[in-house]
Amino acid sequence: MKLQTICIDTKQASIVLGKSISHARTIIRAIKDSHKKKSYQPVTIKEFCDYMDLPYEEVFNMVNNIKGASTSKSA
């Protein structure tokens, strides 16, 4: 069973957003400030998605390198 990550780091945030590492670092710092977190406390994917108004499941799958499961509906 593969463990799944529930936190997001700067590099992952930059990939998800398509922005530079320094821009992602600024965003992660802003999220930590808004949640009154210390520098050593991680940012969860949920906190990141709420702050950036992104769909949680898609970001979670990207961070955990899970290919989107096909949810095709039967006709």
Protein backbone atom coordinates (compact mmCIF):
# COMPACT_ATOMS: atom_id res chain seq x y z
CA MET A 1 0.00 0.00 0.00
CA LYS A 2 1.44 3.33 -1.05
CA LEU A 3 1.35 6.13 1.51
CA GLN A 4 -0.31 9.30 0.32
CA THR A 5 0.83 12.79 1.15
CA ILE A 6 -1.60 15.22 2.78
CA CYS A 7 0.80 18.17 2.88
CA ILE A 8 2.17 20.27 0.04
CA ASP A 9 5.63 21.78 -0.22
CA THR A 10 6.94 24.71 -2.23
CA LYS A 11 8.12 22.65 -5.20
CA GLN A 12 4.81 20.82 -5.49
CA ALA A 13 2.90 24.10 -5.19
CA SER A 14 4.98 25.61 -8.01
CA ILE A 15 4.19 22.64 -10.26
CA VAL A 16 0.46 22.73 -9.46
CA LEU A 17 0.28 26.48 -10.08
CA GLY A 18 2.71 26.58 -13.00
CA LYS A 19 4.61 29.37 -11.22
CA SER A 20 8.20 29.82 -10.09
CA ILE A 21 9.53 28.39 -6.85
CA SER A 22 9.90 31.89 -5.39
CA HIS A 23 6.27 32.73 -6.20
CA ALA A 24 5.12 29.43 -4.65
CA ARG A 25 7.25 30.17 -1.58
CA THR A 26 5.46 33.51 -1.18
CA ILE A 27 2.08 31.80 -1.41
CA ILE A 28 3.03 29.08 1.11
CA ARG A 29 4.28 31.80 3.48
CA ALA A 30 0.97 33.70 3.09
CA ILE A 31 -1.00 30.52 3.85
CA LYS A 32 1.09 29.91 6.97
CA ASP A 33 0.56 33.51 8.06
CA SER A 34 -3.20 33.28 7.55
CA HIS A 35 -3.34 30.09 9.65
CA LYS A 36 -0.87 31.44 12.24
CA LYS A 37 1.51 28.54 11.64
CA LYS A 38 5.16 28.43 12.63
CA SER A 39 7.79 28.13 9.91
CA TYR A 40 8.34 24.41 10.61
CA GLN A 41 4.63 23.51 10.41
CA PRO A 42 3.54 22.11 7.04
CA VAL A 43 0.71 23.39 4.89
CA THR A 44 -1.93 20.79 4.08
CA ILE A 45 -3.30 20.29 0.61
CA LYS A 46 -6.72 21.30 1.97
CA GLU A 47 -5.38 24.62 3.30
CA PHE A 48 -3.61 25.25 -0.01
CA CYS A 49 -6.75 24.48 -2.03
CA ASP A 50 -8.96 26.63 0.19
CA TYR A 51 -6.55 29.55 -0.06
CA MET A 52 -6.08 29.25 -3.84
CA ASP A 53 -9.71 28.24 -4.54
CA LEU A 54 -8.65 25.05 -6.32
CA PRO A 55 -10.43 21.67 -6.46
CA TYR A 56 -9.05 19.52 -3.64
CA GLU A 57 -9.29 16.13 -5.36
CA GLU A 58 -7.38 17.25 -8.45
CA VAL A 59 -4.57 18.85 -6.45
CA PHE A 60 -4.41 15.86 -4.09
CA ASN A 61 -4.04 13.54 -7.09
CA MET A 62 -1.36 15.75 -8.67
CA VAL A 63 0.66 15.89 -5.46
CA ASN A 64 0.41 12.15 -4.99
CA ASN A 65 1.07 11.39 -8.68
CA ILE A 66 -2.23 9.59 -9.04
CA LYS A 67 -3.57 9.46 -12.55
CA GLY A 68 -7.16 10.66 -12.77
CA ALA A 69 -9.41 7.67 -12.39
CA SER A 70 -11.83 7.46 -15.25
CA THR A 71 -15.28 8.28 -14.01
CA SER A 72 -17.08 7.61 -17.24
CA LYS A 73 -20.81 7.34 -16.85
CA SER A 74 -22.67 4.44 -18.36
CA ALA A 75 -25.33 5.42 -20.86
